[in-house]
Amino acid sequence: MAIRVVRNEVDGWDVVREDENSAMSNHATREEAEEAARIRSEEDRLNDVGDEPVVVDTEHVHPLDDTRQGVKPAFLAMAGLLAVVTLIIIVLALTGSLTDFGS
């Protein structure tokens, strides 16, 4: 199982295991990414995981993961949830006032 250094879709270089889709780390320059991959490979060798060569892949680009979409979808989901809760409170208040519930 090799550790690959590939260009990131957005910016910089990613260090990725060959059998995984998510990046272990992201670096601004290729040299930094290669050094991080060598360090990680050495750590894995010390832990008896196996000999992991570092492969620099300049032909492929590592795409963004679906989980790294940013804050905008979470913000929109929270705004939608707040709107639904507000609507439920308004409906309950109107129902209570029109039916004289609790008086």
C-alpha atoms as a PDB file:
ATOM      1  CA  MET A   1       0.000   0.000   0.000  1.00  0.00           C
ATOM      2  CA  ALA A   2       1.734   3.143  -1.193  1.00  0.00           C
ATOM      3  CA  ILE A   3       1.319   6.699  -0.032  1.00  0.00           C
ATOM      4  CA  ARG A   4       0.596   8.997  -2.961  1.00  0.00           C
ATOM      5  CA  VAL A   5       1.262  12.708  -3.339  1.00  0.00           C
ATOM      6  CA  VAL A   6      -1.304  14.192  -5.750  1.00  0.00           C
ATOM      7  CA  ARG A   7      -2.378  17.694  -6.704  1.00  0.00           C
ATOM      8  CA  ASN A   8      -5.498  18.905  -4.908  1.00  0.00           C
ATOM      9  CA  GLU A   9      -8.515  19.977  -6.967  1.00  0.00           C
ATOM     10  CA  VAL A  10      -8.623  23.366  -5.258  1.00  0.00           C
ATOM     11  CA  ASP A  11      -5.150  24.259  -4.008  1.00  0.00           C
ATOM     12  CA  GLY A  12      -1.884  22.616  -3.025  1.00  0.00           C
ATOM     13  CA  TRP A  13      -0.939  18.953  -2.790  1.00  0.00           C
ATOM     14  CA  ASP A  14      -2.596  16.093  -0.887  1.00  0.00           C
ATOM     15  CA  VAL A  15      -1.002  13.105   0.813  1.00  0.00           C
ATOM     16  CA  VAL A  16      -3.322  10.133   0.221  1.00  0.00           C
ATOM     17  CA  ARG A  17      -3.133   6.412   0.952  1.00  0.00           C
ATOM     18  CA  GLU A  18      -3.533   4.316  -2.165  1.00  0.00           C
ATOM     19  CA  ASP A  19      -6.610   2.476  -0.828  1.00  0.00           C
ATOM     20  CA  GLU A  20      -8.371   5.513   0.680  1.00  0.00           C
ATOM     21  CA  ASN A  21     -10.275   8.402  -0.876  1.00  0.00           C
ATOM     22  CA  SER A  22      -9.762  11.046   1.783  1.00  0.00           C
ATOM     23  CA  ALA A  23      -6.514  12.966   2.127  1.00  0.00           C
ATOM     24  CA  MET A  24      -4.374  12.526   5.230  1.00  0.00           C
ATOM     25  CA  SER A  25      -3.010  16.052   4.865  1.00  0.00           C
ATOM     26  CA  ASN A  26      -2.844  19.015   2.491  1.00  0.00           C
ATOM     27  CA  HIS A  27       0.264  21.091   1.800  1.00  0.00           C
ATOM     28  CA  ALA A  28       0.965  24.290  -0.107  1.00  0.00           C
ATOM     29  CA  THR A  29       3.941  22.949  -2.066  1.00  0.00           C
ATOM     30  CA  ARG A  30       4.830  19.629  -3.607  1.00  0.00           C
ATOM     31  CA  GLU A  31       8.081  19.475  -1.612  1.00  0.00           C
ATOM     32  CA  GLU A  32       6.218  19.864   1.698  1.00  0.00           C
ATOM     33  CA  ALA A  33       3.775  17.128   0.687  1.00  0.00           C
ATOM     34  CA  GLU A  34       6.593  14.767  -0.305  1.00  0.00           C
ATOM     35  CA  GLU A  35       8.365  15.340   3.020  1.00  0.00           C
ATOM     36  CA  ALA A  36       5.120  14.731   4.946  1.00  0.00           C
ATOM     37  CA  ALA A  37       4.530  11.531   2.957  1.00  0.00           C
ATOM     38  CA  ARG A  38       8.072  10.315   3.723  1.00  0.00           C
ATOM     39  CA  ILE A  39       7.587  11.044   7.429  1.00  0.00           C
ATOM     40  CA  ARG A  40       4.257   9.205   7.438  1.00  0.00           C
ATOM     41  CA  SER A  41       5.790   6.282   5.572  1.00  0.00           C
ATOM     42  CA  GLU A  42       8.618   6.105   8.102  1.00  0.00           C
ATOM     43  CA  GLU A  43       6.123   6.177  11.003  1.00  0.00           C
ATOM     44  CA  ASP A  44       4.193   3.308   9.452  1.00  0.00           C
ATOM     45  CA  ARG A  45       7.386   1.300   8.999  1.00  0.00           C
ATOM     46  CA  LEU A  46       8.241   1.828  12.665  1.00  0.00           C
ATOM     47  CA  ASN A  47       4.803   0.505  13.590  1.00  0.00           C
ATOM     48  CA  ASP A  48       5.378  -2.670  11.525  1.00  0.00           C
ATOM     49  CA  VAL A  49       2.557  -1.822   9.152  1.00  0.00           C
ATOM     50  CA  GLY A  50       4.802  -2.513   6.190  1.00  0.00           C
ATOM     51  CA  ASP A  51       7.090  -0.883   3.698  1.00  0.00           C
ATOM     52  CA  GLU A  52       5.186   1.975   2.128  1.00  0.00           C
ATOM     53  CA  PRO A  53       6.861   3.728  -0.775  1.00  0.00           C
ATOM     54  CA  VAL A  54       6.015   7.320  -1.583  1.00  0.00           C
ATOM     55  CA  VAL A  55       4.620   7.811  -5.090  1.00  0.00           C
ATOM     56  CA  VAL A  56       4.343  11.303  -6.606  1.00  0.00           C
ATOM     57  CA  ASP A  57       1.431  11.312  -9.063  1.00  0.00           C
ATOM     58  CA  THR A  58       1.507  14.441 -11.212  1.00  0.00           C
ATOM     59  CA  GLU A  59      -1.032  13.165 -13.752  1.00  0.00           C
ATOM     60  CA  HIS A  60      -4.063  12.817 -11.485  1.00  0.00           C
ATOM     61  CA  VAL A  61      -5.924  15.354  -9.355  1.00  0.00           C
ATOM     62  CA  HIS A  62      -7.415  14.505  -5.974  1.00  0.00           C
ATOM     63  CA  PRO A  63     -11.067  15.672  -5.978  1.00  0.00           C
ATOM     64  CA  LEU A  64     -12.789  17.243  -3.010  1.00  0.00           C
ATOM     65  CA  ASP A  65     -14.607  14.939  -0.643  1.00  0.00           C
ATOM     66  CA  ASP A  66     -18.366  15.329  -0.295  1.00  0.00           C
ATOM     67  CA  THR A  67     -17.938  16.057   3.404  1.00  0.00           C
ATOM     68  CA  ARG A  68     -15.759  19.115   2.720  1.00  0.00           C
ATOM     69  CA  GLN A  69     -18.474  21.219   1.089  1.00  0.00           C
ATOM     70  CA  GLY A  70     -18.114  24.042   3.556  1.00  0.00           C
ATOM     71  CA  VAL A  71     -20.332  25.985   5.887  1.00  0.00           C
ATOM     72  CA  LYS A  72     -22.935  27.146   3.368  1.00  0.00           C
ATOM     73  CA  PRO A  73     -25.009  23.882   3.249  1.00  0.00           C
ATOM     74  CA  ALA A  74     -24.973  23.625   7.044  1.00  0.00           C
ATOM     75  CA  PHE A  75     -26.018  27.270   7.386  1.00  0.00           C
ATOM     76  CA  LEU A  76     -28.889  26.808   4.912  1.00  0.00           C
ATOM     77  CA  ALA A  77     -30.054  23.663   6.728  1.00  0.00           C
ATOM     78  CA  MET A  78     -30.037  25.455  10.080  1.00  0.00           C
ATOM     79  CA  ALA A  79     -31.923  28.430   8.594  1.00  0.00           C
ATOM     80  CA  GLY A  80     -34.525  26.052   7.166  1.00  0.00           C
ATOM     81  CA  LEU A  81     -34.897  24.276  10.493  1.00  0.00           C
ATOM     82  CA  LEU A  82     -35.318  27.605  12.286  1.00  0.00           C
ATOM     83  CA  ALA A  83     -38.014  28.628   9.779  1.00  0.00           C
ATOM     84  CA  VAL A  84     -39.934  25.363  10.337  1.00  0.00           C
ATOM     85  CA  VAL A  85     -39.785  25.707  14.127  1.00  0.00           C
ATOM     86  CA  THR A  86     -40.936  29.333  13.889  1.00  0.00           C
ATOM     87  CA  LEU A  87     -43.840  28.317  11.643  1.00  0.00           C
ATOM     88  CA  ILE A  88     -44.917  25.597  14.094  1.00  0.00           C
ATOM     89  CA  ILE A  89     -44.854  28.089  16.978  1.00  0.00           C
ATOM     90  CA  ILE A  90     -46.954  30.586  14.995  1.00  0.00           C
ATOM     91  CA  VAL A  91     -49.515  27.920  14.041  1.00  0.00           C
ATOM     92  CA  LEU A  92     -49.790  26.736  17.649  1.00  0.00           C
ATOM     93  CA  ALA A  93     -50.145  30.302  18.944  1.00  0.00           C
ATOM     94  CA  LEU A  94     -52.863  31.117  16.400  1.00  0.00           C
ATOM     95  CA  THR A  95     -54.700  27.875  17.124  1.00  0.00           C
ATOM     96  CA  GLY A  96     -54.564  28.579  20.856  1.00  0.00           C
ATOM     97  CA  SER A  97     -55.801  32.146  20.503  1.00  0.00           C
ATOM     98  CA  LEU A  98     -58.621  31.310  18.084  1.00  0.00           C
ATOM     99  CA  THR A  99     -59.941  28.432  20.184  1.00  0.00           C
ATOM    100  CA  ASP A 100     -59.454  30.210  23.546  1.00  0.00           C
ATOM    101  CA  PHE A 101     -57.352  27.274  24.659  1.00  0.00           C
ATOM    102  CA  GLY A 102     -55.990  27.691  28.182  1.00  0.00           C
ATOM    103  CA  SER A 103     -58.319  30.473  29.255  1.00  0.00           C
END
